[in-house]
Amino acid sequence: MAPPPDSFPLDKSFQNELYLISEAGVRVINIVSHEWERVRACLLELRAKGLHKNKPIIGWSPSKGIYLIEHGRENQEKFADSTAVGNTNILEIINSDKYSKLDAIWLLEDIHGQLREEHINILSHLKNIARERNSCHRLIIINTPFANLPPEVRKDVPTLELPLPRQGVLKAILQSVLNKSDHELPENWESIVDAASGLTVMEAELAFAKVNVEHPGLHQSAVLSKIAYEKSRVIKQTQILEFFQTETNLSQDVGGLENLKVWLKKRQSSFSYQAKQLGIEAPKGIMLLGVQGCGKSLIAKAIAKEWSYPLLRFDLGKVFGGIVGQSEGNIRSALQVAAALEPCVLWIDEIEKGLAGMGSSDRSDGGTTARVVGTLLTWMQEKKEQVFVVATANRIDMLPPELLRKGRFDEIFFVDLPTKSVRREILKIHLQKRDKLDKATESKLDELAEQTRGFSGAELEEMVREALLDWYADLPKSKPLYNYLSHVAQQTNPLSVLMSDQIQDLRKWAGQRTRAASEGEPEDPPKKSERPLLTPSESAQNRFFRPSSDQPN
């Protein structure tokens, strides 16, 4: 069990906002949080001074009815009311003669199922309480897991979102878990707490307790990786954010893109404490626009590895839900988790697909898409946390103009098809990864790079993979690997040939609006007539052994 709510360290900024709103005479406040214990802790602190000093806190839930909250715990012997159990209109009961004159703080838990447009009677009572001006200064707190108030009451009821627990709360949870097993805080407790950032109180308690069973006292070096694993498991349950473990190295696994690599290297140090002290703002992020399969997603993984930051993949398509307000709540929750994990890299892959339908949102989905995208854009513009956003896109026609303006991204890079020298480098990388770069094959890399003009990085990787499969199938009488690589290259019609017009349009648009990720002039993809494709008969007969004076023996 977590420490009692009255011992939780509080989020000072949130607590101050709650105090100011309540002191201003607001009668109904919506607090958005899954953490009921922390919400109760906030109310215990709220009644320490001011307008609501020493008032009783009365709770309600559909399963328990009305109960008194003392020291954060429930006392159902007081205020027990059987009429308030179940799917009842608790707001009507609060407004009845029995309770309307009671000067108290009401905490309504698990009420979000009733706050829907079809429950007009409940919403009407909520508006009446929010607008009352009688002498009784009662305060109604509605605790919901996401901001789902319908339009009828949204203007009358302010909404506050409780941030995820910071270091002080997580330290209290860690201390509570260790006390149960008679252990003291380890010397590296700060690292352990940092590893759990982004979790709720209940999630952090479970992670600490589980790891403590395996490593009593949490002194072992493996503890941090274990907690990171528990955190990745929890984040995956959100189905919106995915915690990525990446081993992709920017210098060893990514070919070319010299301009982008230099840009990233210069900005890595701006996340440091020293830079912050000098007033240097950390970069917000980059947009990677370009041809499909040219390594945009690979770069996002490599940045996280290079900077030693956690990588979160944000799936915009999973944000949207069927319940009113759920989509908006989902994106706020995801962004809240990302902010709590700072510094981190937030990877939004193929962002244009997540933004599809924004223009017609008011007609097709009641404006949900527009509100979700607006929340994301505002967060990208105003965020102070060290969350580096890497967004990738393939189609410019699906991107809203407001996404591309300065302030959302520090730079927009265009990732073009690799040049001959870069293709050689990419082929070398993939062959070395598989321990298949013998001297004979290395001597032919220039020829292979020439044969693969117009290939993307993904197509080069697939070419190596397919050639190795054919080479292995012919063992033990396989010919040199170069023969197989050359054959697959000739048999492949790259995407740049099939979509040459689209690529030219993309290059023309990007030429004046983006920064080139690579050095040098881009190569034009080959025309269909220039591709030396084998005929079906040639492919079937001696397909790897076409007569050639320069083929190795």
Protein backbone atom coordinates (compact mmCIF):
# COMPACT_ATOMS: atom_id res chain seq x y z
CA MET A 1 0.00 0.00 0.00
CA ALA A 2 1.24 3.48 -0.84
CA PRO A 3 1.87 6.02 1.94
CA PRO A 4 -1.28 7.79 3.19
CA PRO A 5 -2.38 10.70 0.97
CA ASP A 6 -1.77 13.28 3.68
CA SER A 7 1.96 12.42 3.51
CA PHE A 8 2.31 12.90 -0.28
CA PRO A 9 4.57 15.74 -1.42
CA LEU A 10 2.41 18.02 -3.56
CA ASP A 11 2.88 19.58 -6.98
CA LYS A 12 3.20 23.23 -5.91
CA SER A 13 2.18 24.70 -9.26
CA PHE A 14 -0.98 22.60 -9.48
CA GLN A 15 -1.84 23.15 -5.82
CA ASN A 16 -1.50 26.91 -6.20
CA GLU A 17 -3.78 26.91 -9.25
CA LEU A 18 -6.38 24.84 -7.39
CA TYR A 19 -6.21 27.20 -4.40
CA LEU A 20 -6.62 30.33 -6.51
CA ILE A 21 -9.60 28.96 -8.43
CA SER A 22 -11.36 27.78 -5.29
CA GLU A 23 -10.69 31.06 -3.48
CA ALA A 24 -12.17 32.94 -6.44
CA GLY A 25 -15.53 31.43 -5.60
CA VAL A 26 -15.73 28.66 -8.18
CA ARG A 27 -18.22 26.04 -6.98
CA VAL A 28 -17.39 23.09 -9.29
CA ILE A 29 -13.91 22.03 -10.47
CA ASN A 30 -12.99 19.07 -12.68
CA ILE A 31 -9.64 17.45 -11.76
CA VAL A 32 -8.34 15.11 -14.46
CA SER A 33 -6.23 12.27 -13.06
CA HIS A 34 -6.19 8.50 -12.64
CA GLU A 35 -4.51 8.94 -9.23
CA TRP A 36 -7.31 9.16 -6.68
CA GLU A 37 -4.89 9.17 -3.74
CA ARG A 38 -3.04 12.24 -5.00
CA VAL A 39 -6.34 14.01 -5.68
CA ARG A 40 -7.35 13.40 -2.08
CA ALA A 41 -3.98 14.70 -0.91
CA CYS A 42 -4.60 17.91 -2.86
CA LEU A 43 -7.96 18.40 -1.13
CA LEU A 44 -6.47 17.75 2.31
CA GLU A 45 -3.99 20.54 1.63
CA LEU A 46 -6.68 22.81 0.18
CA ARG A 47 -8.63 22.91 3.44
CA ALA A 48 -5.55 23.97 5.44
CA LYS A 49 -6.28 27.66 4.84
CA GLY A 50 -8.50 30.13 3.06
CA LEU A 51 -12.16 29.88 2.15
CA HIS A 52 -12.40 26.11 2.72
CA LYS A 53 -10.33 25.87 5.90
CA ASN A 54 -11.17 22.86 8.09
CA LYS A 55 -14.19 21.86 6.01
CA PRO A 56 -15.08 18.17 5.96
CA ILE A 57 -14.31 16.25 2.77
CA ILE A 58 -17.24 14.09 1.72
CA GLY A 59 -16.70 11.52 -1.02
CA TRP A 60 -19.06 9.67 -3.30
CA SER A 61 -18.77 6.80 -5.77
CA PRO A 62 -21.49 4.69 -7.41
CA SER A 63 -20.32 1.53 -5.58
CA LYS A 64 -19.94 2.99 -2.07
CA GLY A 65 -22.37 5.86 -1.90
CA ILE A 66 -21.54 8.79 0.40
CA TYR A 67 -18.68 8.60 2.89
CA LEU A 68 -16.46 10.90 4.94
CA ILE A 69 -12.78 11.16 3.93
CA GLU A 70 -10.45 11.44 6.92
CA HIS A 71 -6.67 11.50 6.43
CA GLY A 72 -7.30 10.39 2.87
CA ARG A 73 -9.19 7.26 3.91
CA GLU A 74 -12.90 6.51 3.86
CA ASN A 75 -15.15 6.42 6.89
CA GLN A 76 -18.45 5.01 5.69
CA GLU A 77 -20.04 5.07 9.13
CA LYS A 78 -20.52 8.79 8.77
CA PHE A 79 -22.79 10.24 6.10
CA ALA A 80 -23.88 6.73 5.08
CA ASP A 81 -26.75 7.12 2.62
CA SER A 82 -28.14 4.07 0.84
CA THR A 83 -30.09 6.24 -1.61
CA ALA A 84 -26.83 7.50 -3.08
CA VAL A 85 -25.52 4.09 -4.19
CA GLY A 86 -25.55 2.99 -7.82
CA ASN A 87 -26.35 4.88 -10.98
CA THR A 88 -28.07 7.69 -9.13
CA ASN A 89 -28.07 11.43 -9.73
CA ILE A 90 -25.70 12.38 -6.92
CA LEU A 91 -25.85 16.03 -7.96
CA GLU A 92 -29.59 16.05 -7.33
CA ILE A 93 -28.95 14.56 -3.87
CA ILE A 94 -26.27 17.17 -3.12
CA ASN A 95 -28.75 19.87 -4.10
CA SER A 96 -31.54 18.42 -1.92
CA ASP A 97 -32.66 19.94 1.37
CA LYS A 98 -30.65 17.32 3.27
CA TYR A 99 -27.24 18.39 1.86
CA SER A 100 -27.63 21.76 0.10
CA LYS A 101 -26.77 23.76 3.25
CA LEU A 102 -23.82 21.55 4.19
CA ASP A 103 -20.62 23.62 3.97
CA ALA A 104 -18.18 20.97 2.78
CA ILE A 105 -15.83 19.84 0.03
CA TRP A 106 -17.46 17.13 -2.08
CA LEU A 107 -15.28 14.70 -4.03
CA LEU A 108 -17.20 12.83 -6.73
CA GLU A 109 -15.26 9.78 -7.93
CA ASP A 110 -16.12 7.52 -10.87
CA ILE A 111 -18.83 9.90 -12.06
CA HIS A 112 -17.52 10.32 -15.61
CA GLY A 113 -19.91 7.69 -16.97
CA GLN A 114 -22.82 9.98 -16.09
CA LEU A 115 -21.35 13.16 -17.54
CA ARG A 116 -22.59 12.64 -21.07
CA GLU A 117 -24.83 14.64 -23.35
CA GLU A 118 -27.70 12.16 -23.04
CA HIS A 119 -27.86 12.66 -19.25
CA ILE A 120 -29.34 16.13 -19.52
CA ASN A 121 -30.91 15.97 -16.05
CA ILE A 122 -27.53 15.41 -14.38
CA LEU A 123 -25.88 18.12 -16.47
CA SER A 124 -28.65 20.54 -15.53
CA HIS A 125 -28.03 19.99 -11.82
CA LEU A 126 -24.29 20.43 -12.39
CA LYS A 127 -24.86 23.80 -14.08
CA ASN A 128 -27.16 24.95 -11.28
CA ILE A 129 -24.55 24.14 -8.61
CA ALA A 130 -21.76 25.78 -10.65
CA ARG A 131 -23.81 28.98 -10.99
CA GLU A 132 -25.18 29.21 -7.44
CA ARG A 133 -24.56 32.36 -5.43
CA ASN A 134 -25.88 31.44 -1.97
CA SER A 135 -24.13 31.97 1.34
CA CYS A 136 -22.94 28.35 1.53
CA HIS A 137 -19.43 28.04 0.08
CA ARG A 138 -19.50 24.33 -0.69
CA LEU A 139 -17.04 23.08 -3.29
CA ILE A 140 -17.70 20.18 -5.69
CA ILE A 141 -14.63 18.38 -7.05
CA ILE A 142 -15.24 16.04 -9.99
CA ASN A 143 -12.40 13.52 -10.45
CA THR A 144 -12.35 12.05 -13.99
CA PRO A 145 -9.66 10.00 -15.79
CA PHE A 146 -9.77 12.28 -18.83
CA ALA A 147 -11.26 15.63 -19.78
CA ASN A 148 -14.67 14.56 -20.99
CA LEU A 149 -17.03 17.31 -19.90
CA PRO A 150 -19.71 17.87 -22.55
CA PRO A 151 -20.19 21.32 -24.14
CA GLU A 152 -23.25 22.07 -21.96
CA VAL A 153 -21.13 22.50 -18.82
CA ARG A 154 -17.63 23.08 -20.18
CA LYS A 155 -17.86 26.86 -19.78
CA ASP A 156 -19.16 26.65 -16.20
CA VAL A 157 -16.72 24.05 -14.85
CA PRO A 158 -12.96 24.76 -15.09
CA THR A 159 -10.75 21.72 -15.71
CA LEU A 160 -7.35 21.16 -14.08
CA GLU A 161 -5.04 18.30 -15.08
CA LEU A 162 -2.95 16.87 -12.28
CA PRO A 163 0.62 16.34 -13.57
CA LEU A 164 2.28 12.96 -13.18
CA PRO A 165 4.20 12.58 -9.91
CA ARG A 166 7.56 14.27 -9.67
CA GLN A 167 10.66 13.17 -7.78
CA GLY A 168 9.32 13.96 -4.30
CA VAL A 169 6.23 11.76 -4.62
CA LEU A 170 8.15 8.91 -6.28
CA LYS A 171 10.74 9.05 -3.49
CA ALA A 172 7.96 8.72 -0.90
CA ILE A 173 6.59 5.68 -2.75
CA LEU A 174 10.05 4.11 -2.94
CA GLN A 175 10.62 4.71 0.78
CA SER A 176 7.26 3.14 1.61
CA VAL A 177 8.04 0.01 -0.42
CA LEU A 178 11.47 -0.40 1.19
CA ASN A 179 10.11 0.17 4.71
CA LYS A 180 7.90 -2.90 4.38
CA SER A 181 11.00 -5.07 3.83
CA ASP A 182 13.09 -3.22 6.46
CA HIS A 183 15.46 -1.66 3.93
CA GLU A 184 16.87 1.85 3.81
CA LEU A 185 16.98 4.07 0.74
CA PRO A 186 19.96 3.03 -1.43
CA GLU A 187 22.62 5.57 -2.31
CA ASN A 188 21.47 5.68 -5.93
CA TRP A 189 17.83 6.38 -5.05
CA GLU A 190 17.78 9.47 -7.28
CA SER A 191 18.64 7.33 -10.32
CA ILE A 192 15.97 4.80 -9.35
CA VAL A 193 13.36 7.54 -9.00
CA ASP A 194 14.40 9.09 -12.33
CA ALA A 195 14.06 5.69 -13.98
CA ALA A 196 10.43 5.55 -12.79
CA SER A 197 9.48 9.04 -14.00
CA GLY A 198 6.40 8.99 -16.18
CA LEU A 199 4.56 6.44 -14.01
CA THR A 200 1.56 7.05 -11.80
CA VAL A 201 1.73 6.39 -8.07
CA MET A 202 0.19 2.94 -8.41
CA GLU A 203 2.39 2.00 -11.38
CA ALA A 204 5.55 3.18 -9.62
CA GLU A 205 4.62 1.31 -6.43
CA LEU A 206 4.13 -1.92 -8.38
CA ALA A 207 7.41 -1.46 -10.29
CA PHE A 208 9.41 -0.78 -7.10
CA ALA A 209 7.79 -3.67 -5.24
CA LYS A 210 8.32 -6.15 -8.07
CA VAL A 211 11.99 -5.25 -8.52
CA ASN A 212 12.49 -5.26 -4.72
CA VAL A 213 11.32 -8.88 -4.59
CA GLU A 214 13.97 -9.87 -7.14
CA HIS A 215 16.70 -7.53 -5.83
CA PRO A 216 16.03 -6.86 -2.10
CA GLY A 217 17.03 -3.34 -1.11
CA LEU A 218 17.44 -2.22 -4.74
CA HIS A 219 21.23 -1.95 -4.38
CA GLN A 220 22.21 -4.00 -7.42
CA SER A 221 23.32 -2.43 -10.69
CA ALA A 222 20.62 -4.30 -12.61
CA VAL A 223 17.85 -2.43 -10.78
CA LEU A 224 17.74 0.52 -13.19
CA SER A 225 17.30 -1.65 -16.26
CA LYS A 226 14.64 -3.70 -14.46
CA ILE A 227 12.65 -0.58 -13.57
CA ALA A 228 13.08 0.72 -17.12
CA TYR A 229 11.66 -2.57 -18.38
CA GLU A 230 8.68 -2.29 -16.02
CA LYS A 231 8.12 1.26 -17.23
CA SER A 232 8.22 0.18 -20.87
CA ARG A 233 5.62 -2.49 -20.11
CA VAL A 234 3.33 0.06 -18.47
CA ILE A 235 3.73 2.59 -21.27
CA LYS A 236 2.86 -0.07 -23.85
CA GLN A 237 -0.44 -0.61 -22.06
CA THR A 238 -1.46 2.93 -23.02
CA GLN A 239 -1.53 1.68 -26.67
CA ILE A 240 -0.63 5.22 -27.76
CA LEU A 241 3.00 5.50 -26.69
CA GLU A 242 5.48 2.70 -27.28
CA PHE A 243 8.77 2.54 -25.40
CA PHE A 244 11.53 1.64 -27.87
CA GLN A 245 14.80 -0.04 -27.00
CA THR A 246 17.18 0.90 -29.80
CA GLU A 247 20.74 -0.10 -30.63
CA THR A 248 20.97 1.93 -33.85
CA ASN A 249 24.16 3.97 -33.93
CA LEU A 250 24.08 7.28 -35.81
CA SER A 251 27.65 7.11 -37.08
CA GLN A 252 27.91 3.35 -37.73
CA ASP A 253 24.41 2.38 -38.88
CA VAL A 254 23.23 5.44 -40.83
CA GLY A 255 24.89 6.11 -44.18
CA GLY A 256 25.24 9.63 -45.57
CA LEU A 257 23.08 12.50 -44.22
CA GLU A 258 26.19 14.51 -43.33
CA ASN A 259 24.36 17.84 -42.87
CA LEU A 260 21.83 16.34 -40.50
CA LYS A 261 24.51 14.56 -38.46
CA VAL A 262 26.47 17.79 -38.01
CA TRP A 263 23.29 19.66 -36.98
CA LEU A 264 22.44 17.02 -34.38
CA LYS A 265 25.95 16.91 -32.98
CA LYS A 266 25.98 20.68 -32.41
CA ARG A 267 22.67 20.61 -30.54
CA GLN A 268 23.29 17.62 -28.32
CA SER A 269 25.09 19.66 -25.67
CA SER A 270 22.25 22.22 -25.48
CA PHE A 271 20.33 19.79 -23.23
CA SER A 272 22.97 20.08 -20.52
CA TYR A 273 22.57 21.87 -17.19
CA GLN A 274 25.37 24.29 -18.10
CA ALA A 275 23.58 25.33 -21.28
CA LYS A 276 20.38 25.94 -19.33
CA GLN A 277 22.26 28.14 -16.85
CA LEU A 278 23.51 30.26 -19.77
CA GLY A 279 19.99 30.73 -21.08
CA ILE A 280 20.38 28.32 -24.00
CA GLU A 281 17.06 26.75 -24.94
CA ALA A 282 17.07 23.07 -25.85
CA PRO A 283 15.95 22.32 -29.43
CA LYS A 284 12.29 21.40 -29.87
CA GLY A 285 12.63 18.91 -32.69
CA ILE A 286 12.94 18.26 -36.41
CA MET A 287 10.69 17.25 -39.27
CA LEU A 288 12.14 14.66 -41.66
CA LEU A 289 10.49 14.86 -45.05
CA GLY A 290 11.53 12.71 -47.96
CA VAL A 291 11.35 9.67 -50.17
CA GLN A 292 10.02 6.46 -48.64
CA GLY A 293 12.63 4.02 -47.38
CA CYS A 294 15.49 6.53 -47.13
CA GLY A 295 16.08 6.17 -43.38
CA LYS A 296 13.82 8.72 -41.71
CA SER A 297 12.61 6.30 -39.04
CA LEU A 298 16.13 4.94 -38.63
CA ILE A 299 17.34 8.45 -37.80
CA ALA A 300 14.80 8.81 -34.98
CA LYS A 301 16.10 5.61 -33.39
CA ALA A 302 19.71 6.66 -33.91
CA ILE A 303 19.20 10.06 -32.25
CA ALA A 304 17.88 8.43 -29.08
CA LYS A 305 20.83 6.04 -28.99
CA GLU A 306 23.38 8.78 -29.73
CA TRP A 307 22.03 11.05 -26.99
CA SER A 308 21.32 8.17 -24.55
CA TYR A 309 17.68 9.28 -24.19
CA PRO A 310 14.60 7.06 -23.97
CA LEU A 311 12.72 6.77 -27.28
CA LEU A 312 8.92 6.97 -27.31
CA ARG A 313 7.00 6.16 -30.48
CA PHE A 314 3.76 8.12 -30.64
CA ASP A 315 1.03 6.50 -32.75
CA LEU A 316 -1.38 9.32 -33.61
CA GLY A 317 -3.86 6.89 -35.13
CA LYS A 318 -4.45 5.25 -31.73
CA VAL A 319 -5.34 8.53 -30.06
CA PHE A 320 -8.89 8.57 -31.38
CA GLY A 321 -11.56 6.88 -29.26
CA GLY A 322 -15.30 6.46 -29.52
CA ILE A 323 -16.29 8.07 -26.20
CA VAL A 324 -16.92 11.81 -26.11
CA GLY A 325 -13.75 13.53 -24.93
CA GLN A 326 -11.68 10.34 -25.00
CA SER A 327 -9.52 11.40 -27.97
CA GLU A 328 -8.64 14.73 -26.38
CA GLY A 329 -7.93 12.98 -23.09
CA ASN A 330 -5.74 10.39 -24.80
CA ILE A 331 -3.45 12.93 -26.42
CA ARG A 332 -3.16 15.00 -23.23
CA SER A 333 -2.25 11.84 -21.31
CA ALA A 334 0.35 10.81 -23.92
CA LEU A 335 1.96 14.26 -23.96
CA GLN A 336 1.93 14.31 -20.16
CA VAL A 337 3.84 11.02 -20.05
CA ALA A 338 6.36 12.29 -22.61
CA ALA A 339 6.90 15.48 -20.60
CA ALA A 340 7.41 13.48 -17.39
CA LEU A 341 10.11 11.39 -19.11
CA GLU A 342 12.25 14.38 -20.07
CA PRO A 343 14.81 14.38 -21.52
CA CYS A 344 13.54 12.00 -24.17
CA VAL A 345 12.96 11.64 -27.92
CA LEU A 346 9.33 11.56 -29.09
CA TRP A 347 9.07 9.88 -32.49
CA ILE A 348 5.92 10.56 -34.54
CA ASP A 349 6.17 8.32 -37.60
CA GLU A 350 4.30 9.28 -40.79
CA ILE A 351 2.66 12.23 -39.08
CA GLU A 352 0.65 13.15 -42.18
CA LYS A 353 -1.49 10.03 -41.78
CA GLY A 354 -2.41 10.97 -38.23
CA LEU A 355 -3.44 14.44 -39.42
CA ALA A 356 -5.58 13.17 -42.30
CA GLY A 357 -9.10 14.58 -42.23
CA MET A 358 -8.23 17.70 -40.25
CA GLY A 359 -9.69 20.01 -42.89
CA SER A 360 -13.12 18.33 -42.83
CA SER A 361 -13.11 17.55 -39.10
CA ASP A 362 -15.99 19.87 -38.27
CA ARG A 363 -18.22 17.99 -40.73
CA SER A 364 -17.02 14.41 -40.30
CA ASP A 365 -16.26 13.95 -36.58
CA GLY A 366 -17.63 16.97 -34.77
CA GLY A 367 -14.22 18.67 -34.73
CA THR A 368 -12.44 15.93 -32.78
CA THR A 369 -9.50 15.66 -35.19
CA ALA A 370 -9.07 19.44 -35.27
CA ARG A 371 -9.06 19.61 -31.46
CA VAL A 372 -6.56 16.73 -31.14
CA VAL A 373 -4.22 18.28 -33.70
CA GLY A 374 -4.64 21.69 -32.09
CA THR A 375 -3.63 20.23 -28.73
CA LEU A 376 -0.54 18.66 -30.28
CA LEU A 377 0.50 21.83 -32.13
CA THR A 378 0.01 24.04 -29.09
CA TRP A 379 2.07 21.65 -26.95
CA MET A 380 4.87 21.59 -29.54
CA GLN A 381 4.90 25.39 -29.59
CA GLU A 382 4.72 26.02 -25.85
CA LYS A 383 6.47 23.03 -24.23
CA LYS A 384 9.26 23.80 -21.81
CA GLU A 385 10.23 20.20 -21.11
CA GLN A 386 13.24 18.69 -22.86
CA VAL A 387 11.28 16.51 -25.26
CA PHE A 388 12.91 16.36 -28.69
CA VAL A 389 10.25 15.63 -31.30
CA VAL A 390 11.22 13.73 -34.46
CA ALA A 391 8.36 13.68 -36.96
CA THR A 392 8.62 11.88 -40.30
CA ALA A 393 6.47 12.43 -43.39
CA ASN A 394 6.33 11.17 -46.96
CA ARG A 395 3.52 13.27 -48.45
CA ILE A 396 3.60 17.07 -48.30
CA ASP A 397 0.08 17.52 -49.64
CA MET A 398 -1.38 16.04 -46.41
CA LEU A 399 0.54 18.36 -44.04
CA PRO A 400 -1.31 21.41 -42.65
CA PRO A 401 0.62 24.69 -43.13
CA GLU A 402 0.50 25.48 -39.41
CA LEU A 403 2.60 22.38 -38.71
CA LEU A 404 5.49 23.58 -40.87
CA ARG A 405 5.92 27.09 -39.55
CA LYS A 406 8.89 28.02 -37.37
CA GLY A 407 8.40 27.44 -33.67
CA ARG A 408 6.97 23.96 -33.98
CA PHE A 409 10.20 22.46 -35.37
CA ASP A 410 13.70 23.87 -35.28
CA GLU A 411 14.40 22.61 -38.80
CA ILE A 412 12.79 20.67 -41.63
CA PHE A 413 15.24 18.32 -43.36
CA PHE A 414 14.69 16.73 -46.75
CA VAL A 415 15.99 13.15 -46.94
CA ASP A 416 16.64 12.36 -50.60
CA LEU A 417 17.67 9.19 -52.41
CA PRO A 418 21.25 8.19 -51.58
CA THR A 419 24.00 9.16 -54.00
CA LYS A 420 26.49 6.62 -55.37
CA SER A 421 28.99 7.12 -52.54
CA VAL A 422 26.26 6.82 -49.93
CA ARG A 423 24.86 3.68 -51.58
CA ARG A 424 28.32 2.17 -51.35
CA GLU A 425 28.44 3.08 -47.67
CA ILE A 426 24.98 1.61 -47.01
CA LEU A 427 25.84 -1.66 -48.75
CA LYS A 428 29.02 -1.89 -46.73
CA ILE A 429 27.12 -1.31 -43.47
CA HIS A 430 24.59 -4.07 -44.16
CA LEU A 431 27.22 -6.55 -45.31
CA GLN A 432 29.38 -5.85 -42.26
CA LYS A 433 26.39 -6.33 -39.95
CA ARG A 434 25.98 -9.82 -41.36
CA ASP A 435 29.74 -10.51 -41.37
CA LYS A 436 29.73 -11.04 -45.15
CA LEU A 437 32.06 -8.30 -46.39
CA ASP A 438 34.88 -10.37 -47.89
CA LYS A 439 37.62 -8.82 -50.02
CA ALA A 440 36.08 -9.94 -53.30
CA THR A 441 32.72 -8.36 -52.48
CA GLU A 442 34.31 -5.17 -51.13
CA SER A 443 36.23 -4.72 -54.38
CA LYS A 444 32.90 -4.75 -56.25
CA LEU A 445 31.06 -2.25 -54.04
CA ASP A 446 31.60 0.61 -56.50
CA GLU A 447 30.06 -1.47 -59.32
CA LEU A 448 27.14 -2.46 -57.11
CA ALA A 449 26.60 1.17 -56.14
CA GLU A 450 26.46 2.08 -59.84
CA GLN A 451 24.00 -0.72 -60.60
CA THR A 452 21.70 0.42 -57.81
CA ARG A 453 21.14 4.02 -58.91
CA GLY A 454 17.75 5.14 -57.64
CA PHE A 455 17.63 2.59 -54.82
CA SER A 456 16.56 3.74 -51.36
CA GLY A 457 18.31 2.60 -48.20
CA ALA A 458 15.48 0.15 -47.45
CA GLU A 459 15.75 -1.33 -50.94
CA LEU A 460 19.50 -1.76 -50.55
CA GLU A 461 19.00 -3.57 -47.25
CA GLU A 462 16.38 -5.84 -48.79
CA MET A 463 18.72 -6.50 -51.72
CA VAL A 464 21.45 -7.71 -49.35
CA ARG A 465 18.99 -9.85 -47.41
CA GLU A 466 17.55 -11.50 -50.54
CA ALA A 467 20.98 -12.09 -52.08
CA LEU A 468 22.17 -13.82 -48.92
CA LEU A 469 19.12 -16.10 -48.92
CA ASP A 470 19.85 -17.17 -52.50
CA TRP A 471 23.55 -17.57 -51.73
CA TYR A 472 22.75 -19.78 -48.73
CA ALA A 473 20.29 -21.89 -50.76
CA ASP A 474 23.09 -22.77 -53.22
CA LEU A 475 25.58 -23.89 -50.59
CA PRO A 476 28.08 -25.58 -50.73
CA LYS A 477 28.56 -24.76 -54.43
CA SER A 478 27.65 -21.07 -54.18
CA LYS A 479 29.37 -18.59 -56.45
CA PRO A 480 30.86 -15.40 -54.97
CA LEU A 481 28.32 -13.24 -53.16
CA TYR A 482 28.80 -10.41 -55.65
CA ASN A 483 27.04 -12.46 -58.34
CA TYR A 484 23.94 -12.78 -56.20
CA LEU A 485 23.94 -9.11 -55.22
CA SER A 486 24.28 -8.05 -58.84
CA HIS A 487 21.47 -10.35 -59.92
CA VAL A 488 19.04 -9.06 -57.29
CA ALA A 489 19.94 -5.48 -58.22
CA GLN A 490 19.10 -6.16 -61.86
CA GLN A 491 15.84 -7.87 -60.93
CA THR A 492 14.64 -4.97 -58.77
CA ASN A 493 12.63 -2.06 -60.08
CA PRO A 494 13.10 0.59 -57.36
CA LEU A 495 10.29 2.81 -56.14
CA SER A 496 12.05 5.84 -57.61
CA VAL A 497 11.47 4.42 -61.10
CA LEU A 498 7.84 3.57 -60.46
CA MET A 499 7.11 6.95 -58.83
CA SER A 500 9.56 9.24 -60.62
CA ASP A 501 7.01 12.01 -61.19
CA GLN A 502 6.04 12.17 -57.52
CA ILE A 503 9.67 12.25 -56.44
CA GLN A 504 10.43 15.12 -58.80
CA ASP A 505 7.45 17.08 -57.43
CA LEU A 506 8.62 16.39 -53.88
CA ARG A 507 12.14 17.57 -54.68
CA LYS A 508 10.83 20.73 -56.33
CA TRP A 509 8.70 21.58 -53.27
CA ALA A 510 11.47 20.80 -50.80
CA GLY A 511 14.13 22.75 -52.69
CA GLN A 512 12.85 26.12 -51.48
CA ARG A 513 11.33 25.12 -48.14
CA THR A 514 13.64 22.60 -46.47
CA ARG A 515 17.26 21.93 -45.69
CA ALA A 516 19.07 19.08 -47.43
CA ALA A 517 20.04 16.30 -45.03
CA SER A 518 22.91 15.17 -47.30
CA GLU A 519 25.77 16.92 -49.04
CA GLY A 520 26.19 17.10 -52.80
CA GLU A 521 23.80 17.21 -55.69
CA PRO A 522 21.07 14.55 -55.77
CA GLU A 523 21.07 11.99 -58.56
CA ASP A 524 18.12 11.61 -60.88
CA PRO A 525 16.55 8.16 -60.65
CA PRO A 526 17.00 6.01 -63.77
CA LYS A 527 14.28 5.76 -66.37
CA LYS A 528 12.56 2.43 -66.92
CA SER A 529 14.46 1.98 -70.17
CA GLU A 530 17.77 2.28 -68.30
CA ARG A 531 17.08 -0.55 -65.87
CA PRO A 532 19.01 -3.69 -67.00
CA LEU A 533 16.27 -6.11 -65.93
CA LEU A 534 16.81 -9.77 -66.78
CA THR A 535 14.25 -11.45 -69.00
CA PRO A 536 12.27 -14.37 -67.54
CA SER A 537 14.29 -16.85 -69.62
CA GLU A 538 17.60 -15.35 -68.49
CA SER A 539 16.42 -15.44 -64.91
CA ALA A 540 15.44 -19.12 -65.16
CA GLN A 541 18.60 -20.34 -66.93
CA ASN A 542 21.87 -19.98 -65.01
CA ARG A 543 20.45 -16.95 -63.33
CA PHE A 544 23.59 -16.05 -61.37
CA PHE A 545 26.17 -17.00 -63.96
CA ARG A 546 25.68 -14.69 -66.94
CA PRO A 547 28.86 -14.46 -69.03
CA SER A 548 30.95 -11.53 -67.90
CA SER A 549 34.67 -11.00 -68.16
CA ASP A 550 34.84 -9.06 -64.91
CA GLN A 551 32.95 -11.54 -62.69
CA PRO A 552 35.12 -13.13 -60.01
CA ASN A 553 35.85 -16.85 -60.22
